Amino acid sequence: MLDDLLELEHQGWRSLCEGTGADFYGRIMTEDALMVLAHGQVFDRQAVVESLNDAPPWRTYDISEERLVTLGEDHAALVYTGRGYRGEGAPEFVALMSSVYTRRDGSWRLALYQQTPVPMQQ
């Protein structure tokens, strides 16, 4: 289960780097899914798709400290530290990230995603 969900997270980050995030998240999110972002925004699926249509791509990313919380056969939460880099000179984005997945019709779907920013180290 960990490998499957971690691969979905990598697919999501790669889509954000390639500028195809709106398509990816439009497909993987459940109809009633929410994203709770680092700066206090809460987006439903439609708002996520609309925001990603015009979002600048990430240059690269890193996922570390992955942990899985199993909530049953068809439900799980993946928690990790995510780092995103947009461009030369731009500060890195670091957050603790949680993705709650549910399996529907044999496929994992994203039901809830949440970011908690990690303060910059001095």
PDB file of N, CA and C in Angstrom:
ATOM      1  N   MET A   1       0.832  -1.195   0.000  1.00  0.00           N
ATOM      2  CA  MET A   1       0.000   0.000   0.000  1.00  0.00           C
ATOM      3  C   MET A   1       0.875   1.257   0.000  1.00  0.00           C
ATOM      4  N   LEU A   2       1.928   1.255   0.824  1.00  0.00           N
ATOM      5  CA  LEU A   2       2.816   2.417   0.877  1.00  0.00           C
ATOM      6  C   LEU A   2       3.398   2.721  -0.495  1.00  0.00           C
ATOM      7  N   ASP A   3       3.886   1.699  -1.183  1.00  0.00           N
ATOM      8  CA  ASP A   3       4.490   1.918  -2.500  1.00  0.00           C
ATOM      9  C   ASP A   3       3.484   2.487  -3.495  1.00  0.00           C
ATOM     10  N   ASP A   4       2.256   1.976  -3.477  1.00  0.00           N
ATOM     11  CA  ASP A   4       1.225   2.467  -4.399  1.00  0.00           C
ATOM     12  C   ASP A   4       0.905   3.938  -4.146  1.00  0.00           C
ATOM     13  N   LEU A   5       0.720   4.293  -2.889  1.00  0.00           N
ATOM     14  CA  LEU A   5       0.350   5.676  -2.571  1.00  0.00           C
ATOM     15  C   LEU A   5       1.515   6.630  -2.770  1.00  0.00           C
ATOM     16  N   LEU A   6       2.703   6.169  -2.458  1.00  0.00           N
ATOM     17  CA  LEU A   6       3.883   7.003  -2.693  1.00  0.00           C
ATOM     18  C   LEU A   6       4.070   7.258  -4.187  1.00  0.00           C
ATOM     19  N   GLU A   7       3.804   6.258  -5.007  1.00  0.00           N
ATOM     20  CA  GLU A   7       3.888   6.449  -6.460  1.00  0.00           C
ATOM     21  C   GLU A   7       2.866   7.484  -6.927  1.00  0.00           C
ATOM     22  N   LEU A   8       1.671   7.479  -6.354  1.00  0.00           N
ATOM     23  CA  LEU A   8       0.674   8.499  -6.713  1.00  0.00           C
ATOM     24  C   LEU A   8       1.151   9.889  -6.327  1.00  0.00           C
ATOM     25  N   GLU A   9       1.789  10.016  -5.165  1.00  0.00           N
ATOM     26  CA  GLU A   9       2.329  11.320  -4.766  1.00  0.00           C
ATOM     27  C   GLU A   9       3.401  11.783  -5.754  1.00  0.00           C
ATOM     28  N   HIS A  10       4.271  10.869  -6.157  1.00  0.00           N
ATOM     29  CA  HIS A  10       5.292  11.228  -7.150  1.00  0.00           C
ATOM     30  C   HIS A  10       4.641  11.622  -8.479  1.00  0.00           C
ATOM     31  N   GLN A  11       3.610  10.902  -8.891  1.00  0.00           N
ATOM     32  CA  GLN A  11       2.907  11.271 -10.127  1.00  0.00           C
ATOM     33  C   GLN A  11       2.322  12.672 -10.013  1.00  0.00           C
ATOM     34  N   GLY A  12       1.759  12.986  -8.844  1.00  0.00           N
ATOM     35  CA  GLY A  12       1.204  14.319  -8.637  1.00  0.00           C
ATOM     36  C   GLY A  12       2.270  15.397  -8.713  1.00  0.00           C
ATOM     37  N   TRP A  13       3.388  15.190  -8.034  1.00  0.00           N
ATOM     38  CA  TRP A  13       4.477  16.172  -8.083  1.00  0.00           C
ATOM     39  C   TRP A  13       5.038  16.298  -9.496  1.00  0.00           C
ATOM     40  N   ARG A  14       5.200  15.174 -10.197  1.00  0.00           N
ATOM     41  CA  ARG A  14       5.706  15.262 -11.578  1.00  0.00           C
ATOM     42  C   ARG A  14       4.741  16.054 -12.456  1.00  0.00           C
ATOM     43  N   SER A  15       3.446  15.867 -12.235  1.00  0.00           N
ATOM     44  CA  SER A  15       2.469  16.629 -13.024  1.00  0.00           C
ATOM     45  C   SER A  15       2.582  18.123 -12.729  1.00  0.00           C
ATOM     46  N   LEU A  16       2.893  18.478 -11.487  1.00  0.00           N
ATOM     47  CA  LEU A  16       3.081  19.887 -11.140  1.00  0.00           C
ATOM     48  C   LEU A  16       4.345  20.447 -11.782  1.00  0.00           C
ATOM     49  N   CYS A  17       5.352  19.628 -11.949  1.00  0.00           N
ATOM     50  CA  CYS A  17       6.588  20.056 -12.623  1.00  0.00           C
ATOM     51  C   CYS A  17       6.382  20.177 -14.131  1.00  0.00           C
ATOM     52  N   GLU A  18       5.508  19.341 -14.687  1.00  0.00           N
ATOM     53  CA  GLU A  18       5.281  19.314 -16.138  1.00  0.00           C
ATOM     54  C   GLU A  18       4.152  20.239 -16.581  1.00  0.00           C
ATOM     55  N   GLY A  19       3.455  20.859 -15.628  1.00  0.00           N
ATOM     56  CA  GLY A  19       2.351  21.746 -15.979  1.00  0.00           C
ATOM     57  C   GLY A  19       1.060  21.018 -16.311  1.00  0.00           C
ATOM     58  N   THR A  20       0.932  19.754 -15.893  1.00  0.00           N
ATOM     59  CA  THR A  20      -0.277  18.973 -16.160  1.00  0.00           C
ATOM     60  C   THR A  20      -1.039  18.655 -14.870  1.00  0.00           C
ATOM     61  N   GLY A  21      -0.787  19.425 -13.820  1.00  0.00           N
ATOM     62  CA  GLY A  21      -1.411  19.174 -12.527  1.00  0.00           C
ATOM     63  C   GLY A  21      -2.929  19.259 -12.541  1.00  0.00           C
ATOM     64  N   ALA A  22      -3.491  20.179 -13.311  1.00  0.00           N
ATOM     65  CA  ALA A  22      -4.948  20.310 -13.363  1.00  0.00           C
ATOM     66  C   ALA A  22      -5.580  19.016 -13.856  1.00  0.00           C
ATOM     67  N   ASP A  23      -5.014  18.426 -14.892  1.00  0.00           N
ATOM     68  CA  ASP A  23      -5.543  17.164 -15.414  1.00  0.00           C
ATOM     69  C   ASP A  23      -5.381  16.037 -14.401  1.00  0.00           C
ATOM     70  N   PHE A  24      -4.179  15.938 -13.817  1.00  0.00           N
ATOM     71  CA  PHE A  24      -3.917  14.851 -12.876  1.00  0.00           C
ATOM     72  C   PHE A  24      -4.850  14.929 -11.672  1.00  0.00           C
ATOM     73  N   TYR A  25      -4.901  16.096 -11.025  1.00  0.00           N
ATOM     74  CA  TYR A  25      -5.711  16.209  -9.815  1.00  0.00           C
ATOM     75  C   TYR A  25      -7.206  16.203 -10.125  1.00  0.00           C
ATOM     76  N   GLY A  26      -7.597  16.653 -11.295  1.00  0.00           N
ATOM     77  CA  GLY A  26      -8.990  16.538 -11.700  1.00  0.00           C
ATOM     78  C   GLY A  26      -9.432  15.088 -11.797  1.00  0.00           C
ATOM     79  N   ARG A  27      -8.507  14.214 -12.185  1.00  0.00           N
ATOM     80  CA  ARG A  27      -8.806  12.780 -12.290  1.00  0.00           C
ATOM     81  C   ARG A  27      -8.726  12.054 -10.953  1.00  0.00           C
ATOM     82  N   ILE A  28      -7.717  12.364 -10.152  1.00  0.00           N
ATOM     83  CA  ILE A  28      -7.455  11.548  -8.955  1.00  0.00           C
ATOM     84  C   ILE A  28      -8.285  11.958  -7.743  1.00  0.00           C
ATOM     85  N   MET A  29      -8.722  13.203  -7.670  1.00  0.00           N
ATOM     86  CA  MET A  29      -9.486  13.660  -6.502  1.00  0.00           C
ATOM     87  C   MET A  29     -10.918  13.138  -6.548  1.00  0.00           C
ATOM     88  N   THR A  30     -11.453  12.783  -5.369  1.00  0.00           N
ATOM     89  CA  THR A  30     -12.858  12.403  -5.287  1.00  0.00           C
ATOM     90  C   THR A  30     -13.715  13.645  -5.544  1.00  0.00           C
ATOM     91  N   GLU A  31     -14.977  13.433  -5.827  1.00  0.00           N
ATOM     92  CA  GLU A  31     -15.878  14.556  -6.121  1.00  0.00           C
ATOM     93  C   GLU A  31     -15.932  15.569  -4.977  1.00  0.00           C
ATOM     94  N   ASP A  32     -15.875  15.081  -3.738  1.00  0.00           N
ATOM     95  CA  ASP A  32     -15.991  15.967  -2.578  1.00  0.00           C
ATOM     96  C   ASP A  32     -14.651  16.227  -1.893  1.00  0.00           C
ATOM     97  N   ALA A  33     -13.553  15.965  -2.577  1.00  0.00           N
ATOM     98  CA  ALA A  33     -12.215  16.126  -1.996  1.00  0.00           C
ATOM     99  C   ALA A  33     -11.907  17.590  -1.684  1.00  0.00           C
ATOM    100  N   LEU A  34     -10.999  17.770  -0.720  1.00  0.00           N
ATOM    101  CA  LEU A  34     -10.529  19.103  -0.350  1.00  0.00           C
ATOM    102  C   LEU A  34      -9.014  19.116  -0.278  1.00  0.00           C
ATOM    103  N   MET A  35      -8.441  20.284  -0.561  1.00  0.00           N
ATOM    104  CA  MET A  35      -7.029  20.548  -0.311  1.00  0.00           C
ATOM    105  C   MET A  35      -6.955  21.717   0.656  1.00  0.00           C
ATOM    106  N   VAL A  36      -6.245  21.508   1.768  1.00  0.00           N
ATOM    107  CA  VAL A  36      -6.026  22.540   2.777  1.00  0.00           C
ATOM    108  C   VAL A  36      -4.570  22.958   2.626  1.00  0.00           C
ATOM    109  N   LEU A  37      -4.353  24.159   2.094  1.00  0.00           N
ATOM    110  CA  LEU A  37      -3.009  24.583   1.718  1.00  0.00           C
ATOM    111  C   LEU A  37      -2.314  25.364   2.825  1.00  0.00           C
ATOM    112  N   ALA A  38      -1.016  25.494   2.685  1.00  0.00           N
ATOM    113  CA  ALA A  38      -0.141  26.024   3.734  1.00  0.00           C
ATOM    114  C   ALA A  38      -0.522  27.423   4.205  1.00  0.00           C
ATOM    115  N   HIS A  39      -1.091  28.232   3.346  1.00  0.00           N
ATOM    116  CA  HIS A  39      -1.372  29.618   3.712  1.00  0.00           C
ATOM    117  C   HIS A  39      -2.843  29.848   4.043  1.00  0.00           C
ATOM    118  N   GLY A  40      -3.523  28.774   4.459  1.00  0.00           N
ATOM    119  CA  GLY A  40      -4.881  28.910   4.954  1.00  0.00           C
ATOM    120  C   GLY A  40      -5.979  28.789   3.924  1.00  0.00           C
ATOM    121  N   GLN A  41      -5.650  28.465   2.704  1.00  0.00           N
ATOM    122  CA  GLN A  41      -6.677  28.310   1.681  1.00  0.00           C
ATOM    123  C   GLN A  41      -7.227  26.886   1.714  1.00  0.00           C
ATOM    124  N   VAL A  42      -8.536  26.757   1.488  1.00  0.00           N
ATOM    125  CA  VAL A  42      -9.179  25.458   1.370  1.00  0.00           C
ATOM    126  C   VAL A  42      -9.848  25.422   0.003  1.00  0.00           C
ATOM    127  N   PHE A  43      -9.426  24.483  -0.833  1.00  0.00           N
ATOM    128  CA  PHE A  43      -9.944  24.368  -2.196  1.00  0.00           C
ATOM    129  C   PHE A  43     -10.691  23.055  -2.360  1.00  0.00           C
ATOM    130  N   ASP A  44     -11.852  23.134  -3.015  1.00  0.00           N
ATOM    131  CA  ASP A  44     -12.503  21.901  -3.436  1.00  0.00           C
ATOM    132  C   ASP A  44     -11.890  21.470  -4.771  1.00  0.00           C
ATOM    133  N   ARG A  45     -12.346  20.359  -5.293  1.00  0.00           N
ATOM    134  CA  ARG A  45     -11.737  19.806  -6.509  1.00  0.00           C
ATOM    135  C   ARG A  45     -11.742  20.806  -7.662  1.00  0.00           C
ATOM    136  N   GLN A  46     -12.859  21.463  -7.891  1.00  0.00           N
ATOM    137  CA  GLN A  46     -12.953  22.413  -8.997  1.00  0.00           C
ATOM    138  C   GLN A  46     -11.986  23.575  -8.818  1.00  0.00           C
ATOM    139  N   ALA A  47     -11.872  24.091  -7.602  1.00  0.00           N
ATOM    140  CA  ALA A  47     -10.943  25.198  -7.343  1.00  0.00           C
ATOM    141  C   ALA A  47      -9.496  24.759  -7.536  1.00  0.00           C
ATOM    142  N   VAL A  48      -9.176  23.520  -7.172  1.00  0.00           N
ATOM    143  CA  VAL A  48      -7.824  22.996  -7.399  1.00  0.00           C
ATOM    144  C   VAL A  48      -7.521  22.986  -8.888  1.00  0.00           C
ATOM    145  N   VAL A  49      -8.432  22.437  -9.673  1.00  0.00           N
ATOM    146  CA  VAL A  49      -8.227  22.362 -11.122  1.00  0.00           C
ATOM    147  C   VAL A  49      -8.053  23.760 -11.707  1.00  0.00           C
ATOM    148  N   GLU A  50      -8.918  24.695 -11.325  1.00  0.00           N
ATOM    149  CA  GLU A  50      -8.826  26.057 -11.851  1.00  0.00           C
ATOM    150  C   GLU A  50      -7.515  26.726 -11.451  1.00  0.00           C
ATOM    151  N   SER A  51      -7.083  26.537 -10.207  1.00  0.00           N
ATOM    152  CA  SER A  51      -5.845  27.182  -9.759  1.00  0.00           C
ATOM    153  C   SER A  51      -4.624  26.596 -10.461  1.00  0.00           C
ATOM    154  N   LEU A  52      -4.658  25.314 -10.760  1.00  0.00           N
ATOM    155  CA  LEU A  52      -3.502  24.680 -11.401  1.00  0.00           C
ATOM    156  C   LEU A  52      -3.420  24.968 -12.895  1.00  0.00           C
ATOM    157  N   ASN A  53      -4.521  25.391 -13.502  1.00  0.00           N
ATOM    158  CA  ASN A  53      -4.481  25.744 -14.924  1.00  0.00           C
ATOM    159  C   ASN A  53      -3.487  26.864 -15.201  1.00  0.00           C
ATOM    160  N   ASP A  54      -3.343  27.794 -14.251  1.00  0.00           N
ATOM    161  CA  ASP A  54      -2.475  28.958 -14.449  1.00  0.00           C
ATOM    162  C   ASP A  54      -1.243  28.957 -13.550  1.00  0.00           C
ATOM    163  N   ALA A  55      -1.033  27.884 -12.800  1.00  0.00           N
ATOM    164  CA  ALA A  55       0.085  27.857 -11.844  1.00  0.00           C
ATOM    165  C   ALA A  55       1.418  27.664 -12.562  1.00  0.00           C
ATOM    166  N   PRO A  56       2.449  28.390 -12.139  1.00  0.00           N
ATOM    167  CA  PRO A  56       3.776  28.148 -12.716  1.00  0.00           C
ATOM    168  C   PRO A  56       4.272  26.772 -12.284  1.00  0.00           C
ATOM    169  N   PRO A  57       4.994  26.079 -13.143  1.00  0.00           N
ATOM    170  CA  PRO A  57       5.452  24.736 -12.784  1.00  0.00           C
ATOM    171  C   PRO A  57       6.552  24.768 -11.733  1.00  0.00           C
ATOM    172  N   TRP A  58       6.644  23.690 -10.995  1.00  0.00           N
ATOM    173  CA  TRP A  58       7.771  23.487 -10.091  1.00  0.00           C
ATOM    174  C   TRP A  58       8.946  22.995 -10.925  1.00  0.00           C
ATOM    175  N   ARG A  59      10.153  23.375 -10.543  1.00  0.00           N
ATOM    176  CA  ARG A  59      11.347  22.909 -11.248  1.00  0.00           C
ATOM    177  C   ARG A  59      11.678  21.486 -10.835  1.00  0.00           C
ATOM    178  N   THR A  60      11.625  21.221  -9.525  1.00  0.00           N
ATOM    179  CA  THR A  60      11.901  19.891  -8.993  1.00  0.00           C
ATOM    180  C   THR A  60      11.284  19.779  -7.607  1.00  0.00           C
ATOM    181  N   TYR A  61      11.322  18.585  -7.046  1.00  0.00           N
ATOM    182  CA  TYR A  61      10.722  18.334  -5.735  1.00  0.00           C
ATOM    183  C   TYR A  61      11.465  17.201  -5.045  1.00  0.00           C
ATOM    184  N   ASP A  62      11.162  17.033  -3.762  1.00  0.00           N
ATOM    185  CA  ASP A  62      11.728  15.940  -2.982  1.00  0.00           C
ATOM    186  C   ASP A  62      10.700  15.496  -1.952  1.00  0.00           C
ATOM    187  N   ILE A  63      10.561  14.193  -1.787  1.00  0.00           N
ATOM    188  CA  ILE A  63       9.689  13.603  -0.768  1.00  0.00           C
ATOM    189  C   ILE A  63      10.571  12.818   0.191  1.00  0.00           C
ATOM    190  N   SER A  64      10.398  13.059   1.500  1.00  0.00           N
ATOM    191  CA  SER A  64      11.189  12.319   2.490  1.00  0.00           C
ATOM    192  C   SER A  64      10.341  12.033   3.728  1.00  0.00           C
ATOM    193  N   GLU A  65      10.858  11.200   4.598  1.00  0.00           N
ATOM    194  CA  GLU A  65      10.229  10.876   5.882  1.00  0.00           C
ATOM    195  C   GLU A  65       8.792  10.379   5.713  1.00  0.00           C
ATOM    196  N   GLU A  66       8.598   9.478   4.749  1.00  0.00           N
ATOM    197  CA  GLU A  66       7.268   8.963   4.453  1.00  0.00           C
ATOM    198  C   GLU A  66       6.771   8.049   5.569  1.00  0.00           C
ATOM    199  N   ARG A  67       5.498   8.222   5.913  1.00  0.00           N
ATOM    200  CA  ARG A  67       4.841   7.353   6.894  1.00  0.00           C
ATOM    201  C   ARG A  67       3.431   7.054   6.414  1.00  0.00           C
ATOM    202  N   LEU A  68       3.010   5.830   6.640  1.00  0.00           N
ATOM    203  CA  LEU A  68       1.675   5.404   6.245  1.00  0.00           C
ATOM    204  C   LEU A  68       0.836   5.135   7.484  1.00  0.00           C
ATOM    205  N   VAL A  69      -0.383   5.651   7.489  1.00  0.00           N
ATOM    206  CA  VAL A  69      -1.358   5.343   8.528  1.00  0.00           C
ATOM    207  C   VAL A  69      -2.488   4.594   7.835  1.00  0.00           C
ATOM    208  N   THR A  70      -2.613   3.310   8.128  1.00  0.00           N
ATOM    209  CA  THR A  70      -3.651   2.493   7.505  1.00  0.00           C
ATOM    210  C   THR A  70      -4.963   2.709   8.243  1.00  0.00           C
ATOM    211  N   LEU A  71      -6.005   3.006   7.491  1.00  0.00           N
ATOM    212  CA  LEU A  71      -7.321   3.276   8.070  1.00  0.00           C
ATOM    213  C   LEU A  71      -8.324   2.197   7.685  1.00  0.00           C
ATOM    214  N   GLY A  72      -7.837   1.073   7.221  1.00  0.00           N
ATOM    215  CA  GLY A  72      -8.666  -0.031   6.746  1.00  0.00           C
ATOM    216  C   GLY A  72      -8.126  -0.502   5.411  1.00  0.00           C
ATOM    217  N   GLU A  73      -8.774  -1.499   4.825  1.00  0.00           N
ATOM    218  CA  GLU A  73      -8.306  -2.047   3.545  1.00  0.00           C
ATOM    219  C   GLU A  73      -8.322  -1.025   2.418  1.00  0.00           C
ATOM    220  N   ASP A  74      -9.283  -0.137   2.443  1.00  0.00           N
ATOM    221  CA  ASP A  74      -9.495   0.772   1.322  1.00  0.00           C
ATOM    222  C   ASP A  74      -9.297   2.242   1.664  1.00  0.00           C
ATOM    223  N   HIS A  75      -8.637   2.516   2.781  1.00  0.00           N
ATOM    224  CA  HIS A  75      -8.426   3.896   3.203  1.00  0.00           C
ATOM    225  C   HIS A  75      -7.075   4.002   3.896  1.00  0.00           C
ATOM    226  N   ALA A  76      -6.337   5.065   3.601  1.00  0.00           N
ATOM    227  CA  ALA A  76      -5.030   5.254   4.239  1.00  0.00           C
ATOM    228  C   ALA A  76      -4.612   6.710   4.127  1.00  0.00           C
ATOM    229  N   ALA A  77      -3.741   7.103   5.043  1.00  0.00           N
ATOM    230  CA  ALA A  77      -3.150   8.440   5.012  1.00  0.00           C
ATOM    231  C   ALA A  77      -1.649   8.299   4.820  1.00  0.00           C
ATOM    232  N   LEU A  78      -1.113   9.072   3.903  1.00  0.00           N
ATOM    233  CA  LEU A  78       0.325   9.126   3.669  1.00  0.00           C
ATOM    234  C   LEU A  78       0.811  10.476   4.177  1.00  0.00           C
ATOM    235  N   VAL A  79       1.795  10.456   5.060  1.00  0.00           N
ATOM    236  CA  VAL A  79       2.343  11.675   5.656  1.00  0.00           C
ATOM    237  C   VAL A  79       3.814  11.740   5.298  1.00  0.00           C
ATOM    238  N   TYR A  80       4.282  12.916   4.872  1.00  0.00           N
ATOM    239  CA  TYR A  80       5.687  13.056   4.481  1.00  0.00           C
ATOM    240  C   TYR A  80       6.104  14.521   4.527  1.00  0.00           C
ATOM    241  N   THR A  81       7.409  14.732   4.418  1.00  0.00           N
ATOM    242  CA  THR A  81       7.944  16.075   4.241  1.00  0.00           C
ATOM    243  C   THR A  81       8.148  16.284   2.749  1.00  0.00           C
ATOM    244  N   GLY A  82       7.573  17.350   2.235  1.00  0.00           N
ATOM    245  CA  GLY A  82       7.722  17.676   0.819  1.00  0.00           C
ATOM    246  C   GLY A  82       8.503  18.962   0.649  1.00  0.00           C
ATOM    247  N   ARG A  83       9.371  18.958  -0.342  1.00  0.00           N
ATOM    248  CA  ARG A  83      10.139  20.158  -0.686  1.00  0.00           C
ATOM    249  C   ARG A  83       9.931  20.422  -2.172  1.00  0.00           C
ATOM    250  N   GLY A  84       9.571  21.654  -2.486  1.00  0.00           N
ATOM    251  CA  GLY A  84       9.396  22.049  -3.872  1.00  0.00           C
ATOM    252  C   GLY A  84      10.288  23.225  -4.203  1.00  0.00           C
ATOM    253  N   TYR A  85      10.789  23.215  -5.423  1.00  0.00           N
ATOM    254  CA  TYR A  85      11.692  24.272  -5.898  1.00  0.00           C
ATOM    255  C   TYR A  85      11.130  24.795  -7.213  1.00  0.00           C
ATOM    256  N   ARG A  86      10.849  26.095  -7.273  1.00  0.00           N
ATOM    257  CA  ARG A  86      10.278  26.678  -8.497  1.00  0.00           C
ATOM    258  C   ARG A  86      11.350  27.074  -9.497  1.00  0.00           C
ATOM    259  N   GLY A  87      12.267  27.925  -9.103  1.00  0.00           N
ATOM    260  CA  GLY A  87      13.254  28.405 -10.060  1.00  0.00           C
ATOM    261  C   GLY A  87      14.487  28.911  -9.360  1.00  0.00           C
ATOM    262  N   GLU A  88      15.464  29.274 -10.152  1.00  0.00           N
ATOM    263  CA  GLU A  88      16.715  29.798  -9.609  1.00  0.00           C
ATOM    264  C   GLU A  88      16.427  31.024  -8.752  1.00  0.00           C
ATOM    265  N   GLY A  89      16.963  31.045  -7.550  1.00  0.00           N
ATOM    266  CA  GLY A  89      16.802  32.186  -6.665  1.00  0.00           C
ATOM    267  C   GLY A  89      15.520  32.197  -5.860  1.00  0.00           C
ATOM    268  N   ALA A  90      14.542  31.383  -6.232  1.00  0.00           N
ATOM    269  CA  ALA A  90      13.290  31.326  -5.477  1.00  0.00           C
ATOM    270  C   ALA A  90      13.497  30.456  -4.239  1.00  0.00           C
ATOM    271  N   PRO A  91      12.911  30.848  -3.107  1.00  0.00           N
ATOM    272  CA  PRO A  91      13.090  30.029  -1.901  1.00  0.00           C
ATOM    273  C   PRO A  91      12.403  28.676  -2.060  1.00  0.00           C
ATOM    274  N   GLU A  92      12.963  27.666  -1.411  1.00  0.00           N
ATOM    275  CA  GLU A  92      12.311  26.363  -1.458  1.00  0.00           C
ATOM    276  C   GLU A  92      11.050  26.402  -0.608  1.00  0.00           C
ATOM    277  N   PHE A  93      10.068  25.604  -0.990  1.00  0.00           N
ATOM    278  CA  PHE A  93       8.841  25.442  -0.223  1.00  0.00           C
ATOM    279  C   PHE A  93       8.970  24.126   0.531  1.00  0.00           C
ATOM    280  N   VAL A  94       8.849  24.177   1.863  1.00  0.00           N
ATOM    281  CA  VAL A  94       8.959  22.973   2.689  1.00  0.00           C
ATOM    282  C   VAL A  94       7.710  22.876   3.549  1.00  0.00           C
ATOM    283  N   ALA A  95       7.067  21.713   3.526  1.00  0.00           N
ATOM    284  CA  ALA A  95       5.867  21.514   4.336  1.00  0.00           C
ATOM    285  C   ALA A  95       5.730  20.052   4.725  1.00  0.00           C
ATOM    286  N   LEU A  96       5.063  19.840   5.845  1.00  0.00           N
ATOM    287  CA  LEU A  96       4.612  18.504   6.204  1.00  0.00           C
ATOM    288  C   LEU A  96       3.317  18.296   5.443  1.00  0.00           C
ATOM    289  N   MET A  97       3.209  17.185   4.746  1.00  0.00           N
ATOM    290  CA  MET A  97       2.073  16.961   3.866  1.00  0.00           C
ATOM    291  C   MET A  97       1.363  15.672   4.247  1.00  0.00           C
ATOM    292  N   SER A  98       0.043  15.724   4.190  1.00  0.00           N
ATOM    293  CA  SER A  98      -0.783  14.554   4.486  1.00  0.00           C
ATOM    294  C   SER A  98      -1.768  14.373   3.349  1.00  0.00           C
ATOM    295  N   SER A  99      -1.815  13.167   2.818  1.00  0.00           N
ATOM    296  CA  SER A  99      -2.768  12.827   1.767  1.00  0.00           C
ATOM    297  C   SER A  99      -3.595  11.642   2.242  1.00  0.00           C
ATOM    298  N   VAL A 100      -4.909  11.806   2.254  1.00  0.00           N
ATOM    299  CA  VAL A 100      -5.810  10.730   2.647  1.00  0.00           C
ATOM    300  C   VAL A 100      -6.418  10.155   1.373  1.00  0.00           C
ATOM    301  N   TYR A 101      -6.226   8.857   1.200  1.00  0.00           N
ATOM    302  CA  TYR A 101      -6.701   8.162   0.002  1.00  0.00           C
ATOM    303  C   TYR A 101      -7.797   7.174   0.356  1.00  0.00           C
ATOM    304  N   THR A 102      -8.709   6.986  -0.589  1.00  0.00           N
ATOM    305  CA  THR A 102      -9.737   5.967  -0.496  1.00  0.00           C
ATOM    306  C   THR A 102      -9.745   5.190  -1.806  1.00  0.00           C
ATOM    307  N   ARG A 103      -9.948   3.883  -1.717  1.00  0.00           N
ATOM    308  CA  ARG A 103      -9.975   3.067  -2.936  1.00  0.00           C
ATOM    309  C   ARG A 103     -11.424   2.940  -3.381  1.00  0.00           C
ATOM    310  N   ARG A 104     -11.676   3.353  -4.619  1.00  0.00           N
ATOM    311  CA  ARG A 104     -13.021   3.278  -5.199  1.00  0.00           C
ATOM    312  C   ARG A 104     -12.929   2.578  -6.543  1.00  0.00           C
ATOM    313  N   ASP A 105     -13.744   1.566  -6.715  1.00  0.00           N
ATOM    314  CA  ASP A 105     -13.754   0.790  -7.967  1.00  0.00           C
ATOM    315  C   ASP A 105     -12.354   0.313  -8.330  1.00  0.00           C
ATOM    316  N   GLY A 106     -11.583  -0.087  -7.320  1.00  0.00           N
ATOM    317  CA  GLY A 106     -10.260  -0.649  -7.545  1.00  0.00           C
ATOM    318  C   GLY A 106      -9.137   0.351  -7.741  1.00  0.00           C
ATOM    319  N   SER A 107      -9.433   1.645  -7.686  1.00  0.00           N
ATOM    320  CA  SER A 107      -8.403   2.676  -7.890  1.00  0.00           C
ATOM    321  C   SER A 107      -8.328   3.588  -6.670  1.00  0.00           C
ATOM    322  N   TRP A 108      -7.101   3.984  -6.327  1.00  0.00           N
ATOM    323  CA  TRP A 108      -6.912   4.924  -5.232  1.00  0.00           C
ATOM    324  C   TRP A 108      -7.304   6.326  -5.685  1.00  0.00           C
ATOM    325  N   ARG A 109      -8.066   7.019  -4.838  1.00  0.00           N
ATOM    326  CA  ARG A 109      -8.502   8.391  -5.114  1.00  0.00           C
ATOM    327  C   ARG A 109      -8.137   9.262  -3.921  1.00  0.00           C
ATOM    328  N   LEU A 110      -7.757  10.496  -4.200  1.00  0.00           N
ATOM    329  CA  LEU A 110      -7.371  11.450  -3.165  1.00  0.00           C
ATOM    330  C   LEU A 110      -8.616  12.122  -2.593  1.00  0.00           C
ATOM    331  N   ALA A 111      -8.839  11.965  -1.280  1.00  0.00           N
ATOM    332  CA  ALA A 111     -10.007  12.544  -0.624  1.00  0.00           C
ATOM    333  C   ALA A 111      -9.672  13.828   0.130  1.00  0.00           C
ATOM    334  N   LEU A 112      -8.453  13.907   0.681  1.00  0.00           N
ATOM    335  CA  LEU A 112      -8.060  15.077   1.460  1.00  0.00           C
ATOM    336  C   LEU A 112      -6.551  15.229   1.398  1.00  0.00           C
ATOM    337  N   TYR A 113      -6.111  16.458   1.154  1.00  0.00           N
ATOM    338  CA  TYR A 113      -4.683  16.770   1.138  1.00  0.00           C
ATOM    339  C   TYR A 113      -4.492  17.990   2.018  1.00  0.00           C
ATOM    340  N   GLN A 114      -3.452  17.966   2.867  1.00  0.00           N
ATOM    341  CA  GLN A 114      -3.228  19.059   3.814  1.00  0.00           C
ATOM    342  C   GLN A 114      -1.740  19.359   3.913  1.00  0.00           C
ATOM    343  N   GLN A 115      -1.406  20.657   3.972  1.00  0.00           N
ATOM    344  CA  GLN A 115      -0.016  21.112   4.114  1.00  0.00           C
ATOM    345  C   GLN A 115       0.137  21.894   5.419  1.00  0.00           C
ATOM    346  N   THR A 116       1.233  21.639   6.121  1.00  0.00           N
ATOM    347  CA  THR A 116       1.627  22.444   7.274  1.00  0.00           C
ATOM    348  C   THR A 116       3.018  22.979   6.983  1.00  0.00           C
ATOM    349  N   PRO A 117       3.177  24.291   6.823  1.00  0.00           N
ATOM    350  CA  PRO A 117       4.494  24.821   6.467  1.00  0.00           C
ATOM    351  C   PRO A 117       5.522  24.577   7.568  1.00  0.00           C
ATOM    352  N   VAL A 118       6.741  24.308   7.146  1.00  0.00           N
ATOM    353  CA  VAL A 118       7.868  24.159   8.062  1.00  0.00           C
ATOM    354  C   VAL A 118       8.628  25.478   8.030  1.00  0.00           C
ATOM    355  N   PRO A 119       8.826  26.117   9.183  1.00  0.00           N
ATOM    356  CA  PRO A 119       9.546  27.399   9.193  1.00  0.00           C
ATOM    357  C   PRO A 119      10.949  27.257   8.605  1.00  0.00           C
ATOM    358  N   MET A 120      11.394  28.300   7.940  1.00  0.00           N
ATOM    359  CA  MET A 120      12.740  28.322   7.365  1.00  0.00           C
ATOM    360  C   MET A 120      13.765  28.237   8.488  1.00  0.00           C
ATOM    361  N   GLN A 121      14.809  27.444   8.274  1.00  0.00           N
ATOM    362  CA  GLN A 121      15.892  27.316   9.251  1.00  0.00           C
ATOM    363  C   GLN A 121      16.820  28.517   9.130  1.00  0.00           C
ATOM    364  N   GLN A 122      17.258  29.033  10.256  1.00  0.00           N
ATOM    365  CA  GLN A 122      18.174  30.186  10.251  1.00  0.00           C
ATOM    366  C   GLN A 122      19.603  29.723  10.211  1.00  0.00           C
TER     367      GLN A 122
END
